[in-house]
Protein backbone atom coordinates (compact mmCIF):
# COMPACT_ATOMS: atom_id res chain seq x y z
CA MET A 1 28.69 42.44 -23.93
CA LYS A 2 27.87 39.89 -26.38
CA LYS A 3 29.70 37.34 -24.15
CA ARG A 4 27.66 38.30 -21.26
CA LEU A 5 24.08 38.85 -22.42
CA SER A 6 24.77 35.23 -24.01
CA VAL A 7 25.81 33.80 -20.11
CA ILE A 8 22.25 35.20 -18.76
CA LEU A 9 20.68 33.96 -21.32
CA ILE A 10 22.09 30.41 -20.68
CA ALA A 11 21.32 30.93 -16.63
CA PHE A 12 17.77 31.90 -17.86
CA LEU A 13 17.62 29.09 -19.73
CA VAL A 14 18.56 26.56 -16.89
CA LEU A 15 16.48 28.26 -14.61
CA ILE A 16 13.31 27.22 -16.91
CA LEU A 17 14.05 23.74 -17.33
CA ALA A 18 14.99 23.13 -13.46
CA ALA A 19 11.57 24.91 -13.39
CA CYS A 20 9.76 22.47 -15.49
CA GLY A 21 11.87 19.09 -14.53
CA GLY A 22 9.95 18.44 -11.09
CA ASP A 23 8.20 15.28 -10.60
CA ASN A 24 5.98 14.51 -14.10
CA GLU A 25 5.56 10.61 -13.10
CA GLY A 26 2.26 9.64 -12.92
CA SER A 27 -1.32 11.81 -12.74
CA GLY A 28 -0.36 13.38 -8.78
CA GLU A 29 0.11 9.68 -7.55
CA LYS A 30 3.72 10.40 -6.37
CA GLU A 31 4.65 13.91 -5.00
CA LYS A 32 7.68 15.44 -3.10
CA GLY A 33 7.85 15.33 0.24
CA GLY A 34 10.60 17.15 2.94
CA GLU A 35 12.47 13.71 2.86
CA GLY A 36 11.96 12.53 -0.24
CA GLU A 37 9.41 11.29 -2.75
CA VAL A 38 5.74 10.54 -1.00
CA LYS A 39 4.06 7.90 -2.43
CA THR A 40 0.19 6.73 -3.26
CA ILE A 41 -1.69 3.58 -2.35
CA ARG A 42 -5.20 4.01 -3.44
CA ALA A 43 -6.64 0.45 -2.04
CA GLY A 44 -10.44 0.08 -3.01
CA ILE A 45 -12.52 -2.78 -1.66
CA GLY A 46 -16.61 -3.44 -2.79
CA LEU A 47 -18.14 -3.72 0.93
CA ASN A 48 -19.30 -0.81 2.52
CA ASP A 49 -17.34 1.37 5.11
CA ALA A 50 -19.18 -0.54 8.06
CA HIS A 51 -17.48 -3.58 7.30
CA PRO A 52 -14.29 -4.65 9.31
CA GLN A 53 -12.76 -5.02 5.85
CA TYR A 54 -12.89 -1.30 5.64
CA LYS A 55 -11.74 -0.83 9.39
CA GLY A 56 -8.79 -3.18 8.91
CA LEU A 57 -8.17 -0.93 5.49
CA LEU A 58 -8.25 2.28 7.98
CA LYS A 59 -5.59 0.18 10.58
CA PHE A 60 -2.99 -0.03 7.52
CA LYS A 61 -3.83 2.86 6.42
CA GLU A 62 -2.78 4.00 10.10
CA ILE A 63 0.60 1.27 10.45
CA VAL A 64 1.86 2.36 7.06
CA GLU A 65 1.45 6.26 7.20
CA GLU A 66 3.01 6.07 10.74
CA LYS A 67 5.63 4.10 10.09
CA THR A 68 6.77 5.22 6.83
CA ASN A 69 7.06 8.85 8.02
CA GLY A 70 4.30 10.11 5.87
CA GLN A 71 6.43 8.81 2.62
CA ILE A 72 4.15 6.83 1.67
CA LYS A 73 0.16 7.84 2.13
CA VAL A 74 -3.12 5.37 1.54
CA GLU A 75 -6.31 6.48 -0.01
CA THR A 76 -9.06 4.37 1.13
CA TYR A 77 -12.22 3.63 -1.25
CA HIS A 78 -15.30 1.76 -0.05
CA SER A 79 -18.79 0.43 -1.67
CA GLY A 80 -17.13 -0.42 -5.39
CA GLN A 81 -16.15 3.67 -5.53
CA LEU A 82 -12.99 1.92 -8.15
CA GLY A 83 -15.12 -0.86 -9.48
CA ASP A 84 -15.68 -4.33 -8.31
CA ASP A 85 -13.14 -7.13 -7.66
CA ARG A 86 -12.27 -8.31 -10.82
CA THR A 87 -12.40 -4.43 -12.23
CA MET A 88 -9.69 -3.54 -10.00
CA THR A 89 -7.82 -6.33 -9.76
CA GLU A 90 -6.86 -5.24 -13.59
CA ALA A 91 -5.64 -1.97 -12.10
CA LEU A 92 -3.71 -3.23 -10.56
CA GLN A 93 -2.39 -5.28 -13.39
CA ILE A 94 -1.70 -2.57 -15.30
CA GLY A 95 -0.86 0.24 -12.28
CA SER A 96 -3.59 2.13 -12.48
CA GLN A 97 -4.12 0.96 -8.85
CA GLU A 98 -2.17 0.05 -6.38
CA VAL A 99 -4.69 -2.12 -3.94
CA VAL A 100 -7.71 -4.36 -3.64
CA ILE A 101 -8.58 -6.90 -1.39
CA PRO A 102 -10.77 -9.51 -3.01
CA SER A 103 -12.34 -13.09 -2.03
CA THR A 104 -10.74 -15.64 -4.14
CA ALA A 105 -13.53 -16.36 -6.07
CA PRO A 106 -12.64 -13.65 -8.37
CA LEU A 107 -9.79 -14.30 -8.07
CA ALA A 108 -9.50 -17.87 -9.32
CA ASN A 109 -10.59 -16.00 -12.40
CA PHE A 110 -6.18 -14.84 -12.61
CA VAL A 111 -4.85 -18.07 -11.13
CA PRO A 112 -7.19 -20.47 -11.44
CA GLU A 113 -5.71 -22.82 -8.64
CA PHE A 114 -7.20 -20.45 -5.61
CA SER A 115 -10.83 -22.32 -7.18
CA ILE A 116 -9.52 -24.86 -4.37
CA PHE A 117 -10.53 -22.42 -1.14
CA ASP A 118 -14.07 -21.84 -2.46
CA PHE A 119 -14.60 -26.30 -2.60
CA PRO A 120 -17.69 -25.70 -0.89
CA PHE A 121 -17.38 -27.46 2.83
CA LEU A 122 -13.70 -27.34 2.81
CA PHE A 123 -12.66 -25.52 6.23
CA PRO A 124 -14.00 -27.04 8.89
CA SER A 125 -13.53 -23.95 11.38
CA GLU A 126 -12.03 -20.67 10.89
CA GLU A 127 -9.01 -21.52 13.18
CA VAL A 128 -8.34 -24.18 11.11
CA ALA A 129 -8.72 -21.92 7.87
CA ASP A 130 -6.29 -19.42 9.50
CA LYS A 131 -3.27 -22.01 10.43
CA VAL A 132 -3.55 -23.52 6.34
CA LEU A 133 -3.41 -20.07 5.07
CA ASP A 134 -0.90 -18.15 7.02
CA GLY A 135 1.06 -21.33 6.74
CA GLU A 136 3.22 -22.89 3.86
CA VAL A 137 0.55 -23.81 1.71
CA GLY A 138 -1.26 -20.44 1.52
CA GLN A 139 1.84 -18.78 0.83
CA LYS A 140 2.13 -21.35 -2.18
CA PHE A 141 -0.48 -19.74 -3.58
CA LEU A 142 0.40 -16.28 -2.66
CA ASP A 143 3.79 -16.96 -5.01
CA GLN A 144 1.74 -18.00 -7.76
CA LEU A 145 -0.21 -14.44 -8.35
CA GLU A 146 3.14 -12.47 -9.27
CA SER A 147 3.28 -14.35 -12.84
CA GLN A 148 -0.33 -12.05 -12.96
CA ASN A 149 1.81 -8.92 -11.83
CA LEU A 150 0.45 -8.98 -8.53
CA VAL A 151 1.63 -9.31 -5.17
CA GLY A 152 0.02 -11.63 -2.63
CA LEU A 153 0.99 -9.98 0.88
CA ALA A 154 -1.57 -11.70 3.16
CA TYR A 155 -4.91 -13.42 3.94
CA TRP A 156 -7.90 -11.86 5.49
CA GLU A 157 -11.22 -12.92 6.19
CA ASN A 158 -14.68 -12.60 4.52
CA GLY A 159 -15.99 -15.96 6.26
CA PHE A 160 -17.86 -18.52 6.29
CA ARG A 161 -20.88 -17.94 3.75
CA ASP A 162 -24.95 -18.19 4.25
CA VAL A 163 -28.13 -18.73 2.00
CA THR A 164 -30.43 -16.15 2.29
CA ASN A 165 -33.47 -16.02 -0.03
CA SER A 166 -37.38 -14.18 -0.16
CA LYS A 167 -39.19 -17.32 -0.83
CA ARG A 168 -38.32 -20.11 1.53
CA ALA A 169 -36.71 -21.52 3.98
CA ILE A 170 -33.29 -23.50 3.40
CA ALA A 171 -33.29 -26.16 5.62
CA THR A 172 -32.04 -29.64 3.56
CA ALA A 173 -30.88 -29.84 -0.07
CA ALA A 174 -34.29 -29.89 -1.81
CA ASP A 175 -35.18 -26.55 -0.52
CA PHE A 176 -32.20 -25.14 -3.00
CA LYS A 177 -34.61 -26.35 -6.14
CA GLY A 178 -35.43 -23.44 -8.39
CA LEU A 179 -34.19 -20.69 -6.77
CA LYS A 180 -32.65 -17.45 -8.28
CA LEU A 181 -29.43 -17.02 -6.40
CA ARG A 182 -26.86 -14.41 -6.49
CA THR A 183 -23.38 -16.05 -6.48
CA MET A 184 -19.78 -13.80 -6.91
CA GLU A 185 -18.22 -14.44 -10.97
CA ASN A 186 -16.64 -17.96 -10.09
CA GLU A 187 -17.26 -21.04 -12.38
CA LEU A 188 -16.56 -23.44 -9.46
CA HIS A 189 -19.66 -21.50 -6.92
CA LEU A 190 -21.92 -21.92 -10.11
CA GLU A 191 -21.71 -25.28 -10.93
CA ALA A 192 -21.87 -26.17 -7.54
CA PHE A 193 -25.18 -24.40 -6.61
CA ARG A 194 -26.56 -26.18 -9.82
CA ALA A 195 -25.66 -29.39 -9.03
CA LEU A 196 -27.74 -28.31 -5.63
CA GLY A 197 -30.28 -27.33 -7.70
CA ALA A 198 -30.14 -23.98 -7.97
CA ASN A 199 -29.97 -21.33 -10.62
CA PRO A 200 -26.86 -19.32 -10.05
CA THR A 201 -26.60 -15.89 -11.26
CA PRO A 202 -23.30 -13.92 -11.29
CA MET A 203 -23.36 -10.47 -9.94
CA ALA A 204 -21.36 -7.49 -8.90
CA LEU A 205 -22.17 -6.98 -5.71
CA ALA A 206 -23.13 -3.44 -6.28
CA GLU A 207 -26.02 -4.22 -8.64
CA LEU A 208 -27.48 -6.92 -5.35
CA PHE A 209 -29.47 -4.89 -3.76
CA THR A 210 -31.86 -4.05 -6.10
CA ALA A 211 -31.85 -7.20 -8.01
CA MET A 212 -33.46 -9.24 -5.36
CA GLN A 213 -36.04 -6.03 -4.26
CA GLN A 214 -36.85 -6.22 -8.18
CA GLY A 215 -37.17 -9.80 -8.30
CA THR A 216 -34.55 -10.71 -10.49
CA VAL A 217 -33.54 -13.33 -8.36
CA ASP A 218 -34.53 -14.53 -5.23
CA GLY A 219 -31.61 -14.71 -2.69
CA GLN A 220 -27.90 -15.06 -2.23
CA GLU A 221 -24.91 -15.54 -0.46
CA ASN A 222 -22.53 -14.31 1.63
CA PRO A 223 -21.09 -13.84 5.45
CA TYR A 224 -23.51 -12.56 8.17
CA ALA A 225 -21.36 -9.33 8.17
CA THR A 226 -22.37 -8.29 4.91
CA ILE A 227 -25.95 -9.50 4.68
CA TYR A 228 -26.65 -7.08 7.96
CA LEU A 229 -24.14 -4.25 6.40
CA GLN A 230 -25.93 -4.57 3.15
CA LYS A 231 -29.20 -4.01 4.56
CA PHE A 232 -30.57 -7.48 2.53
CA TYR A 233 -32.91 -8.11 5.21
CA GLU A 234 -34.82 -5.21 3.67
CA VAL A 235 -35.57 -7.20 0.48
CA GLN A 236 -34.92 -11.11 1.93
CA ASP A 237 -36.74 -13.19 4.47
CA HIS A 238 -35.37 -16.35 5.09
CA VAL A 239 -31.07 -16.54 5.80
CA SER A 240 -29.78 -20.48 6.95
CA ASN A 241 -26.27 -21.03 8.17
CA THR A 242 -25.49 -23.64 5.60
CA HIS A 243 -21.72 -22.49 6.00
CA HIS A 244 -21.33 -23.62 2.66
CA ILE A 245 -17.69 -21.55 2.11
CA TYR A 246 -15.82 -20.65 4.13
CA SER A 247 -14.41 -17.19 2.21
CA PRO A 248 -10.81 -15.41 2.33
CA PHE A 249 -9.94 -12.28 1.44
CA VAL A 250 -6.45 -11.85 -0.28
CA PHE A 251 -4.66 -8.54 0.55
CA LEU A 252 -3.27 -7.82 -3.01
CA MET A 253 -0.55 -4.91 -4.15
CA SER A 254 0.19 -4.07 -7.71
CA LYS A 255 3.60 -5.76 -8.43
CA SER A 256 5.13 -2.60 -10.39
CA PHE A 257 4.45 -0.50 -7.47
CA TYR A 258 5.55 -2.52 -5.12
CA ASP A 259 9.08 -3.19 -6.94
CA GLY A 260 9.48 0.49 -7.07
CA LEU A 261 8.83 0.68 -3.12
CA THR A 262 12.27 0.65 -0.69
CA GLU A 263 13.57 -2.85 0.71
CA GLU A 264 11.88 -1.64 3.92
CA GLN A 265 9.00 -0.10 2.63
CA GLN A 266 8.34 -3.49 1.00
CA THR A 267 8.69 -4.89 4.90
CA ILE A 268 6.70 -2.05 5.65
CA VAL A 269 3.75 -3.00 3.93
CA LYS A 270 4.24 -6.66 4.50
CA GLU A 271 4.30 -6.25 7.91
CA ALA A 272 1.16 -3.58 7.75
CA ALA A 273 -0.80 -6.25 5.86
CA LEU A 274 -0.13 -9.22 8.11
CA GLU A 275 -0.91 -6.68 11.60
CA SER A 276 -4.86 -5.30 10.24
CA GLY A 277 -5.51 -8.76 8.75
CA LYS A 278 -5.37 -9.99 11.97
CA TYR A 279 -7.16 -7.49 13.48
CA GLU A 280 -9.63 -7.74 10.34
CA ARG A 281 -10.51 -11.41 11.35
CA GLU A 282 -11.09 -10.51 15.35
CA LEU A 283 -13.58 -7.61 13.80
CA ASN A 284 -15.57 -9.80 11.17
CA ARG A 285 -16.26 -12.62 13.58
CA GLU A 286 -17.01 -10.48 16.34
CA ALA A 287 -19.70 -8.73 13.74
CA ASN A 288 -20.65 -12.55 12.42
CA ASN A 289 -21.60 -13.55 15.71
CA GLN A 290 -23.65 -10.26 16.26
CA ASN A 291 -24.81 -9.90 12.92
CA LEU A 292 -27.15 -13.09 13.17
CA ALA A 293 -29.22 -12.06 16.30
CA ASP A 294 -29.27 -8.24 14.14
CA LEU A 295 -31.06 -10.51 11.39
CA GLU A 296 -33.29 -12.07 13.49
CA GLU A 297 -34.28 -8.83 15.36
CA ALA A 298 -34.94 -7.31 11.78
CA GLY A 299 -37.27 -9.87 10.78
CA MET A 300 -35.41 -12.77 8.92
CA THR A 301 -36.10 -16.24 9.75
CA PHE A 302 -33.33 -18.14 10.85
CA THR A 303 -32.85 -22.02 9.98
CA GLU A 304 -29.99 -24.25 11.31
CA VAL A 305 -28.89 -27.29 8.81
CA THR A 306 -28.28 -30.10 10.60
CA PRO A 307 -25.68 -32.15 9.90
CA GLU A 308 -27.10 -34.78 7.96
CA ALA A 309 -28.83 -32.08 5.43
CA ARG A 310 -25.03 -30.57 5.57
CA GLN A 311 -24.18 -34.36 4.79
CA GLU A 312 -26.35 -34.44 2.02
CA MET A 313 -25.37 -31.18 0.20
CA ILE A 314 -21.56 -32.00 0.34
CA ASP A 315 -22.71 -35.54 -1.69
CA LEU A 316 -24.84 -33.31 -4.07
CA VAL A 317 -21.53 -31.10 -4.79
CA GLN A 318 -18.67 -34.11 -4.50
CA PRO A 319 -18.67 -34.21 -8.44
CA VAL A 320 -18.03 -30.67 -9.24
CA LEU A 321 -15.15 -30.92 -6.49
CA ASP A 322 -13.69 -34.00 -8.37
CA LYS A 323 -13.87 -32.33 -11.62
CA TYR A 324 -12.28 -28.58 -10.60
CA ALA A 325 -9.68 -31.26 -8.50
CA GLU A 326 -8.51 -32.59 -12.11
CA LYS A 327 -8.51 -28.74 -13.41
CA ILE A 328 -6.12 -27.68 -10.14
CA GLY A 329 -4.30 -30.93 -10.40
CA LYS A 330 -5.23 -33.48 -7.64
CA GLU A 331 -1.50 -32.90 -5.79
CA LYS A 332 -1.87 -29.33 -5.27
CA VAL A 333 -5.41 -30.22 -4.12
CA GLN A 334 -4.12 -33.09 -2.08
CA GLU A 335 -1.69 -31.09 -0.10
CA VAL A 336 -4.41 -28.19 1.16
CA TYR A 337 -6.40 -31.66 2.29
CA ASP A 338 -3.44 -32.60 4.23
CA ALA A 339 -2.73 -29.46 5.83
CA ILE A 340 -6.17 -29.16 6.80
CA GLU A 341 -6.10 -32.57 8.98
CA GLU A 342 -2.86 -31.85 10.12
CA ALA A 343 -4.20 -28.25 10.97
CA SER A 344 -7.64 -29.82 12.88
CA LYS A 345 -5.63 -32.36 14.79
């Protein structure tokens, strides 16, 4: 009888242990599906849900969930719901978030070499930027991210950045003098605008509208799509096609998460980032063309910057570029310049 009771007790304990031994990893980020473990990607961006970047993120979600048969789920967060680009990038590093798609400017705080892509007046066109970023040179920069516990899967597009302000039209370099302009948190951007005579202030995008509304800053610089979709026209009077920087987005994934994927899943997320990136670029270019007209219709005054005026701006920021070329490494900078020259042919 005692032996029988012992067997029953052991069986009962086994059942209890089995019940308690489910998937306890993380905080609900992984669950069991019908065909195995279901993994969750939390993907965040700073821009709102009307921006082409968010629509590209939805395309990424669609591709990944379909090709993995639901074994990877993608949760999407816009408008800085998970923090600004720097905060989210740091979250990727420690594995508490899986995907963010920042511009290269804040990313340079993690890998300084990325500053090269924020050199003013670097790329002459979107098509040249595509060839360089999607080519061998662009991949070399993505490879450097692994040392920061990040995996760079693709380049998306923020686009050519243009200046708006509430004080005056900007047609020449002299018009920058004394303007309080918000920039991203990037030393190269700050120094370049100082060289043009402005007073730049780094600030998170989520804080910008209120800062312009209250007069904390006079203006800012972003692509037309961002200017329009963030409704900056409500607190800004002037927009100029300075096209001072072509700003790429970099699709980043947490290295710890990526390393935990199967080889097949890694291929799927890589291909999805590339495919949805091409889709996002197309949407972004269509939006930028339309949104300039939208800004004028909303009451903003558009000012054309002539080639001669732009060259004056280039000359003023050249000492800043020379300084950062030294920091990054002249050979690496020259490699990018050579790739741009080749892509421009």
